[in-house]
Amino acid sequence: MSVQLTTTAVTVLSGFVPSAVRATAQALLLADDRLVSVSHDITGIRDGTVLRTVRTATEVLEHETIRVEHGCVACTLREDVVPTLARLAAGPAGRDLLLVLPHTIEPESVAAACGRMTGIRFDSYVTVVDTDRFLDDLTSTDDLRHRGLHAADDDHRTVADVVVHQVEFSDTVILWSRRTSDPAHVDRLGALVHRLAPWAVQVPTGTTRSLDIGGLSALVRGTRRHDPQRPGLLGLALEGRAVGVSDPASSVVFRSRRPFHPQRLHDALDELTTDAVRGRGQLWIASRPDLVIAFESAGGGVSLGSLGHWLDALPAARWTEAGDQRRFAAELSWDPYYGDRNTVLALIGLNLDDTALIALLTSCLLTDAEVADGFGAWRDLPDPFRDFFPPR
């Protein structure tokens, strides 16, 4: 006798405007009476409490306040979200789940915590963009703390950080609009969202009085759009994947094999982020030729971090530490002098002067004379980033 194993499909729903996310969740629940949603109210998380609700379109199955040991989002994911999904997946066959995230949670953290669960397939990561609010939040310079939305005392994320990370990680974006929404404005936002997440399928809800919940559900659920092998956004270029699309006045993708001069790049950061609502990618600076540097900007702020070492800076025996796709991409584009080192940056906005941005970035690169000085001399260049990436 053979036993057929069933797998529960989970759709993850995120978005920064709670009313739009709730409306979307209710529409999906109404379209399928077997669908069960799981949501967590984390407004009390700084005091160590979280409210979990499990429901169908017509019935509340669970409504329970739980204590989380350390009062943090990661703890909530580990201590309640994961076991709750596992417990519900073991329930009646044929019942899929809708995980509705709190509006300040970034879906990539969920993927990291839940990626290897047995008996569960994460079908798609869906982000709801409220077309009436999105642009204001995307261009906001507010921290979550300014709006009382921070999850912990050390949560220093900005509103713009959360908004872009929700959209960029998604494989599906619902453009939630209303009868009063301007169709032309919705179209413009759709174009902007495409620049932010060209890999995502867009699902507009329209501007009529009614919503086709069956049509919405068919476009969102059961799509198998989530690719669990896709790297985090800042690792895309290392695998040879696109970090953006080039489009005059709205998106610039800048590439270079030669490194940035650290001082000139530092001096140009404010100008680079003045018109671009979003910047992302990888770069290398001459004073740290071994290090892959992640670059992010949103809400007027800039973040730099480490993505590890360039393969050319590692002994060949350690190349197996990198994934197959990264090694393949490096081999395809290998430079006899720079190795796999390269800069790939995407800058996205509404009215970009792409010619001026490319000229500014180019002016920050090493000159021919500086390149001729060689790797050894580059380490002694004046470097305002040295405290961020201390020499090893």
Protein backbone atom coordinates (compact mmCIF):
# COMPACT_ATOMS: atom_id res chain seq x y z
CA MET A 1 0.00 0.00 0.00
CA SER A 2 1.40 3.41 -0.97
CA VAL A 3 0.95 6.53 1.14
CA GLN A 4 0.58 9.86 -0.64
CA LEU A 5 2.15 12.74 1.23
CA THR A 6 0.42 16.08 1.00
CA THR A 7 2.10 19.47 1.14
CA THR A 8 0.43 22.58 2.46
CA ALA A 9 0.90 25.66 0.32
CA VAL A 10 1.55 28.91 2.18
CA THR A 11 1.02 32.34 0.68
CA VAL A 12 2.85 35.08 2.58
CA LEU A 13 1.12 38.47 2.52
CA SER A 14 2.93 41.69 3.48
CA GLY A 15 2.41 45.42 3.05
CA PHE A 16 2.94 48.66 4.94
CA VAL A 17 -0.71 49.85 5.01
CA PRO A 18 -2.69 47.56 7.35
CA SER A 19 -6.13 48.38 5.91
CA ALA A 20 -5.08 47.37 2.39
CA VAL A 21 -3.45 44.16 3.65
CA ARG A 22 -6.53 43.24 5.72
CA ALA A 23 -8.84 43.89 2.76
CA THR A 24 -6.68 41.72 0.52
CA ALA A 25 -6.58 38.93 3.09
CA GLN A 26 -10.36 38.97 3.48
CA ALA A 27 -10.84 38.85 -0.29
CA LEU A 28 -8.59 35.77 -0.55
CA LEU A 29 -10.37 34.08 2.35
CA LEU A 30 -13.79 34.74 0.81
CA ALA A 31 -12.61 33.27 -2.49
CA ASP A 32 -11.72 29.94 -0.84
CA ASP A 33 -13.61 28.73 2.21
CA ARG A 34 -10.86 26.15 2.89
CA LEU A 35 -8.17 28.82 3.23
CA VAL A 36 -7.00 29.64 6.77
CA SER A 37 -5.12 32.82 7.68
CA VAL A 38 -2.56 33.29 10.44
CA SER A 39 -1.78 36.79 11.67
CA HIS A 40 0.14 38.29 14.58
CA ASP A 41 -0.48 41.63 16.25
CA ILE A 42 2.94 42.74 17.53
CA THR A 43 1.98 46.12 18.99
CA GLY A 44 2.86 44.72 22.43
CA ILE A 45 6.05 43.02 21.41
CA ARG A 46 8.32 45.42 23.26
CA ASP A 47 6.55 44.22 26.43
CA GLY A 48 6.94 40.58 25.38
CA THR A 49 3.37 39.87 24.20
CA VAL A 50 2.00 38.98 20.76
CA LEU A 51 -1.61 38.35 19.78
CA ARG A 52 -2.09 35.44 17.37
CA THR A 53 -5.29 35.09 15.32
CA VAL A 54 -6.17 32.11 13.14
CA ARG A 55 -9.32 32.40 11.08
CA THR A 56 -11.30 31.58 7.97
CA ALA A 57 -13.43 34.13 6.13
CA THR A 58 -16.33 33.52 8.54
CA GLU A 59 -14.90 32.02 11.74
CA VAL A 60 -12.19 32.84 14.26
CA LEU A 61 -10.47 29.57 15.11
CA GLU A 62 -7.84 30.93 17.52
CA HIS A 63 -7.36 34.29 19.23
CA GLU A 64 -4.60 33.96 21.78
CA THR A 65 -2.14 36.22 23.54
CA ILE A 66 1.27 34.60 23.79
CA ARG A 67 4.47 35.50 25.57
CA VAL A 68 7.70 35.67 23.60
CA GLU A 69 10.80 35.06 25.62
CA HIS A 70 12.93 37.92 24.38
CA GLY A 71 10.34 40.34 22.99
CA CYS A 72 11.75 40.53 19.48
CA VAL A 73 10.49 39.85 15.97
CA ALA A 74 13.01 37.07 15.31
CA CYS A 75 11.88 35.36 18.52
CA THR A 76 8.24 35.59 17.42
CA LEU A 77 9.06 33.95 14.10
CA ARG A 78 11.03 31.20 15.79
CA GLU A 79 8.81 30.62 18.83
CA ASP A 80 5.31 30.97 17.40
CA VAL A 81 5.02 31.49 13.64
CA VAL A 82 7.01 28.40 12.68
CA PRO A 83 5.28 25.99 15.12
CA THR A 84 1.84 27.45 14.32
CA LEU A 85 2.31 26.88 10.59
CA ALA A 86 3.58 23.36 11.25
CA ARG A 87 0.63 22.57 13.53
CA LEU A 88 -1.96 23.87 11.05
CA ALA A 89 -0.27 22.10 8.14
CA ALA A 90 -0.77 18.83 10.00
CA GLY A 91 -4.52 19.48 10.09
CA PRO A 92 -7.19 18.65 7.48
CA ALA A 93 -5.79 17.77 4.04
CA GLY A 94 -6.36 20.22 1.22
CA ARG A 95 -6.33 23.26 3.50
CA ASP A 96 -3.80 25.90 2.49
CA LEU A 97 -2.54 28.76 4.65
CA LEU A 98 -2.29 32.51 4.32
CA LEU A 99 0.39 34.04 6.55
CA VAL A 100 -0.47 37.72 7.03
CA LEU A 101 2.56 39.64 8.28
CA PRO A 102 2.48 42.67 10.59
CA HIS A 103 3.02 45.76 8.47
CA THR A 104 6.55 46.48 9.71
CA ILE A 105 7.85 42.96 9.08
CA GLU A 106 10.07 42.33 6.08
CA PRO A 107 9.23 39.07 4.29
CA GLU A 108 12.88 38.07 3.80
CA SER A 109 13.13 37.47 7.55
CA VAL A 110 10.21 35.06 7.30
CA ALA A 111 11.87 33.21 4.42
CA ALA A 112 15.04 32.86 6.47
CA ALA A 113 13.16 31.50 9.50
CA CYS A 114 10.69 29.24 7.68
CA GLY A 115 12.53 28.17 4.57
CA ARG A 116 13.12 24.49 5.45
CA MET A 117 9.84 23.41 7.02
CA THR A 118 8.72 19.84 6.33
CA GLY A 119 5.31 19.41 4.75
CA ILE A 120 5.03 23.06 3.77
CA ARG A 121 5.67 24.75 0.43
CA PHE A 122 5.94 28.51 0.38
CA ASP A 123 4.01 29.19 -2.79
CA SER A 124 4.46 32.95 -3.17
CA TYR A 125 5.46 36.10 -1.32
CA VAL A 126 2.87 38.76 -2.05
CA THR A 127 3.20 42.43 -1.15
CA VAL A 128 0.23 44.79 -1.17
CA VAL A 129 1.07 48.31 -2.36
CA ASP A 130 -1.53 50.91 -1.40
CA THR A 131 -1.38 53.20 -4.42
CA ASP A 132 -2.70 56.17 -2.43
CA ARG A 133 0.06 55.95 0.18
CA PHE A 134 3.03 54.21 -1.41
CA LEU A 135 4.92 57.18 -2.80
CA ASP A 136 4.68 59.16 0.44
CA ASP A 137 6.05 56.22 2.44
CA LEU A 138 8.74 55.44 -0.13
CA THR A 139 10.10 58.98 0.01
CA SER A 140 9.63 59.46 3.76
CA THR A 141 12.66 60.19 5.93
CA ASP A 142 10.86 58.97 9.08
CA ASP A 143 12.28 56.20 11.23
CA LEU A 144 9.78 53.63 12.44
CA ARG A 145 10.41 55.11 15.87
CA HIS A 146 8.99 58.47 14.70
CA ARG A 147 5.66 56.72 14.08
CA GLY A 148 5.80 54.51 17.15
CA LEU A 149 6.20 51.42 15.00
CA HIS A 150 9.64 50.20 16.09
CA ALA A 151 9.69 46.56 17.20
CA ALA A 152 12.49 47.02 19.73
CA ASP A 153 14.58 49.75 21.30
CA ASP A 154 17.41 49.00 18.86
CA ASP A 155 15.13 48.98 15.79
CA HIS A 156 16.48 51.91 13.74
CA ARG A 157 14.90 51.03 10.40
CA THR A 158 13.28 53.76 8.34
CA VAL A 159 9.81 53.63 6.84
CA ALA A 160 11.37 53.67 3.37
CA ASP A 161 13.63 50.72 4.27
CA VAL A 162 10.65 48.56 5.19
CA VAL A 163 8.57 49.60 2.19
CA VAL A 164 11.26 48.87 -0.40
CA HIS A 165 12.31 45.59 1.22
CA GLN A 166 8.70 44.36 1.21
CA VAL A 167 8.32 45.12 -2.50
CA GLU A 168 11.74 43.92 -3.58
CA PHE A 169 11.51 40.50 -1.94
CA SER A 170 8.08 39.78 -3.39
CA ASP A 171 7.35 37.67 -6.43
CA THR A 172 3.84 39.19 -6.68
CA VAL A 173 2.78 42.80 -6.07
CA ILE A 174 -0.88 43.72 -5.66
CA LEU A 175 -1.53 47.34 -6.65
CA TRP A 176 -4.39 48.08 -4.26
CA SER A 177 -6.44 51.01 -5.50
CA ARG A 178 -9.92 52.39 -4.89
CA ARG A 179 -12.80 53.85 -6.81
CA THR A 180 -11.42 57.32 -6.03
CA SER A 181 -7.86 56.49 -7.16
CA ASP A 182 -6.51 58.25 -10.25
CA PRO A 183 -5.89 55.57 -12.94
CA ALA A 184 -2.99 57.56 -14.40
CA HIS A 185 -1.36 57.75 -10.96
CA VAL A 186 -1.84 54.01 -10.50
CA ASP A 187 -0.13 53.39 -13.86
CA ARG A 188 2.82 55.60 -12.88
CA LEU A 189 3.20 53.76 -9.60
CA GLY A 190 3.07 50.46 -11.44
CA ALA A 191 5.98 51.63 -13.58
CA LEU A 192 7.92 52.63 -10.45
CA VAL A 193 7.19 49.30 -8.76
CA HIS A 194 8.48 47.53 -11.87
CA ARG A 195 11.78 49.41 -11.51
CA LEU A 196 11.96 48.33 -7.87
CA ALA A 197 11.00 44.70 -8.53
CA PRO A 198 11.22 43.82 -12.24
CA TRP A 199 11.03 40.12 -11.29
CA ALA A 200 7.59 40.47 -9.66
CA VAL A 201 4.22 39.93 -11.33
CA GLN A 202 1.89 42.90 -10.82
CA VAL A 203 -1.80 42.39 -10.03
CA PRO A 204 -3.87 45.62 -10.15
CA THR A 205 -7.23 45.67 -8.39
CA GLY A 206 -8.64 48.44 -10.59
CA THR A 207 -10.66 51.53 -9.71
CA THR A 208 -14.22 50.22 -10.02
CA ARG A 209 -16.77 49.80 -7.22
CA SER A 210 -16.39 46.02 -7.12
CA LEU A 211 -13.50 43.57 -6.75
CA ASP A 212 -13.36 40.21 -8.51
CA ILE A 213 -12.17 38.13 -5.55
CA GLY A 214 -12.07 34.93 -7.58
CA GLY A 215 -9.93 36.58 -10.24
CA LEU A 216 -7.65 38.08 -7.59
CA SER A 217 -7.21 34.72 -5.89
CA ALA A 218 -6.41 32.98 -9.19
CA LEU A 219 -3.67 35.52 -9.94
CA VAL A 220 -2.13 35.36 -6.46
CA ARG A 221 -2.49 31.83 -5.07
CA GLY A 222 -1.22 28.54 -6.45
CA THR A 223 1.30 30.27 -8.70
CA ARG A 224 4.50 28.61 -7.41
CA ARG A 225 6.29 31.90 -8.06
CA HIS A 226 8.54 31.75 -5.02
CA ASP A 227 12.06 30.58 -5.81
CA PRO A 228 13.69 29.43 -2.56
CA GLN A 229 17.08 29.37 -4.31
CA ARG A 230 17.03 33.04 -5.22
CA PRO A 231 19.66 34.87 -3.16
CA GLY A 232 18.95 37.93 -1.07
CA LEU A 233 18.60 41.12 -3.07
CA LEU A 234 22.12 42.33 -2.40
CA GLY A 235 23.56 39.01 -3.53
CA LEU A 236 21.88 39.03 -6.94
CA ALA A 237 24.76 40.62 -8.85
CA LEU A 238 27.26 38.15 -7.40
CA GLU A 239 25.31 35.41 -9.15
CA GLY A 240 25.13 37.37 -12.38
CA ARG A 241 21.46 38.26 -11.88
CA ALA A 242 19.96 41.65 -12.67
CA VAL A 243 19.68 44.16 -9.81
CA GLY A 244 17.62 46.57 -11.90
CA VAL A 245 16.63 47.71 -15.36
CA SER A 246 17.96 50.73 -17.23
CA ASP A 247 15.30 53.25 -18.22
CA PRO A 248 16.04 56.97 -18.81
CA ALA A 249 14.71 59.28 -16.09
CA SER A 250 13.60 56.44 -13.80
CA SER A 251 16.34 53.82 -13.42
CA VAL A 252 20.10 53.75 -13.92
CA VAL A 253 22.25 50.62 -13.76
CA PHE A 254 25.94 51.50 -13.41
CA ARG A 255 28.69 48.92 -13.98
CA SER A 256 32.44 49.18 -13.60
CA ARG A 257 35.42 46.87 -13.29
CA ARG A 258 37.78 49.46 -11.84
CA PRO A 259 37.29 50.41 -8.17
CA PHE A 260 36.00 53.53 -6.51
CA HIS A 261 38.33 56.00 -4.86
CA PRO A 262 37.07 55.89 -1.24
CA GLN A 263 37.21 59.62 -0.55
CA ARG A 264 35.58 60.66 -3.81
CA LEU A 265 32.81 58.09 -3.39
CA HIS A 266 32.16 59.24 0.17
CA ASP A 267 31.95 62.86 -0.94
CA ALA A 268 29.42 61.99 -3.66
CA LEU A 269 26.95 59.99 -1.52
CA ASP A 270 24.64 62.89 -0.70
CA GLU A 271 24.37 63.90 -4.34
CA LEU A 272 23.82 60.31 -5.44
CA THR A 273 20.83 59.90 -3.15
CA THR A 274 19.23 63.33 -3.66
CA ASP A 275 17.00 62.30 -6.57
CA ALA A 276 17.13 58.51 -6.32
CA VAL A 277 14.44 57.12 -4.01
CA ARG A 278 16.24 53.79 -4.00
CA GLY A 279 19.78 52.56 -4.56
CA ARG A 280 21.07 49.00 -4.29
CA GLY A 281 23.81 46.71 -5.45
CA GLN A 282 27.43 45.80 -4.85
CA LEU A 283 30.64 47.78 -5.17
CA TRP A 284 34.31 47.69 -4.37
CA ILE A 285 36.61 50.41 -3.18
CA ALA A 286 40.32 50.51 -3.89
CA SER A 287 41.39 50.68 -0.25
CA ARG A 288 39.58 47.39 0.52
CA PRO A 289 40.19 45.32 -2.63
CA ASP A 290 39.35 42.01 -0.93
CA LEU A 291 35.86 42.96 0.23
CA VAL A 292 32.49 42.85 -1.58
CA ILE A 293 30.55 45.85 -0.26
CA ALA A 294 26.75 45.92 -0.27
CA PHE A 295 25.21 49.32 -1.02
CA GLU A 296 21.68 50.38 -0.10
CA SER A 297 19.95 53.74 0.03
CA ALA A 298 16.34 54.62 0.83
CA GLY A 299 14.62 57.48 2.62
CA GLY A 300 17.71 59.67 2.24
CA GLY A 301 19.95 57.29 4.18
CA VAL A 302 22.82 55.14 2.96
CA SER A 303 23.81 51.72 4.31
CA LEU A 304 27.03 49.86 3.52
CA GLY A 305 27.72 46.30 4.58
CA SER A 306 29.91 43.32 3.82
CA LEU A 307 28.99 40.53 1.42
CA GLY A 308 32.20 38.65 2.11
CA HIS A 309 35.30 38.37 -0.07
CA TRP A 310 35.82 38.41 -3.80
CA LEU A 311 36.78 34.96 -5.03
CA ASP A 312 40.01 36.39 -6.44
CA ALA A 313 41.00 37.36 -2.90
CA LEU A 314 40.56 33.79 -1.59
CA PRO A 315 42.71 30.69 -2.01
CA ALA A 316 41.27 28.47 -4.74
CA ALA A 317 40.56 25.78 -2.12
CA ARG A 318 37.96 28.08 -0.53
CA TRP A 319 36.01 28.80 -3.71
CA THR A 320 33.74 25.88 -2.91
CA GLU A 321 32.35 28.03 -0.06
CA ALA A 322 30.56 30.05 -2.76
CA GLY A 323 27.53 28.64 -4.54
CA ASP A 324 27.69 27.11 -8.00
CA GLN A 325 25.85 30.04 -9.58
CA ARG A 326 28.28 32.58 -8.15
CA ARG A 327 31.34 30.62 -9.30
CA PHE A 328 29.84 30.21 -12.76
CA ALA A 329 29.07 33.95 -13.02
CA ALA A 330 32.60 34.80 -11.90
CA GLU A 331 34.17 32.50 -14.47
CA LEU A 332 32.07 33.98 -17.28
CA SER A 333 33.12 37.55 -16.51
CA TRP A 334 36.63 36.99 -15.12
CA ASP A 335 39.05 39.87 -15.74
CA PRO A 336 42.80 39.07 -15.97
CA TYR A 337 43.65 42.02 -13.69
CA TYR A 338 40.60 42.57 -11.46
CA GLY A 339 39.43 38.95 -11.25
CA ASP A 340 35.73 38.81 -10.29
CA ARG A 341 35.73 42.27 -8.73
CA ASN A 342 33.07 44.54 -10.21
CA THR A 343 30.59 47.23 -9.27
CA VAL A 344 26.90 46.89 -10.16
CA LEU A 345 24.62 49.62 -8.79
CA ALA A 346 20.97 50.38 -9.56
CA LEU A 347 19.60 53.86 -8.79
CA ILE A 348 15.82 54.28 -9.08
CA GLY A 349 13.74 57.46 -9.00
CA LEU A 350 11.04 59.46 -10.71
CA ASN A 351 12.96 62.20 -12.50
CA LEU A 352 16.56 61.07 -12.68
CA ASP A 353 19.22 62.78 -14.76
CA ASP A 354 20.79 59.51 -15.84
CA THR A 355 23.62 61.19 -17.76
CA ALA A 356 24.62 63.26 -14.73
CA LEU A 357 24.42 60.27 -12.36
CA ILE A 358 26.65 58.12 -14.57
CA ALA A 359 29.11 60.99 -14.92
CA LEU A 360 29.18 61.47 -11.14
CA LEU A 361 29.79 57.78 -10.47
CA THR A 362 32.47 57.64 -13.15
CA SER A 363 34.26 60.61 -11.58
CA CYS A 364 34.50 58.62 -8.33
CA LEU A 365 36.45 55.76 -9.94
CA LEU A 366 40.23 55.56 -9.87
CA THR A 367 41.92 57.47 -12.65
CA ASP A 368 44.30 55.75 -15.07
CA ALA A 369 47.25 57.07 -13.09
CA GLU A 370 45.80 55.79 -9.81
CA VAL A 371 45.08 52.38 -11.33
CA ALA A 372 48.71 52.21 -12.48
CA ASP A 373 49.88 52.62 -8.85
CA GLY A 374 48.60 49.10 -8.17
CA PHE A 375 46.80 47.22 -5.41
CA GLY A 376 49.49 47.85 -2.82
CA ALA A 377 49.27 51.63 -3.10
CA TRP A 378 45.46 51.66 -3.07
CA ARG A 379 45.30 50.44 0.53
CA ASP A 380 46.90 53.72 1.66
CA LEU A 381 44.37 56.00 -0.04
CA PRO A 382 42.44 58.35 2.30
CA ASP A 383 39.45 56.25 3.36
CA PRO A 384 36.45 57.63 5.30
CA PHE A 385 34.98 54.11 5.27
CA ARG A 386 37.86 52.57 7.16
CA ASP A 387 35.99 52.49 10.49
CA PHE A 388 33.08 50.64 8.79
CA PHE A 389 35.39 48.03 7.27
CA PRO A 390 38.52 47.87 9.44
CA PRO A 391 41.56 46.25 7.79
CA ARG A 392 41.97 42.53 8.50
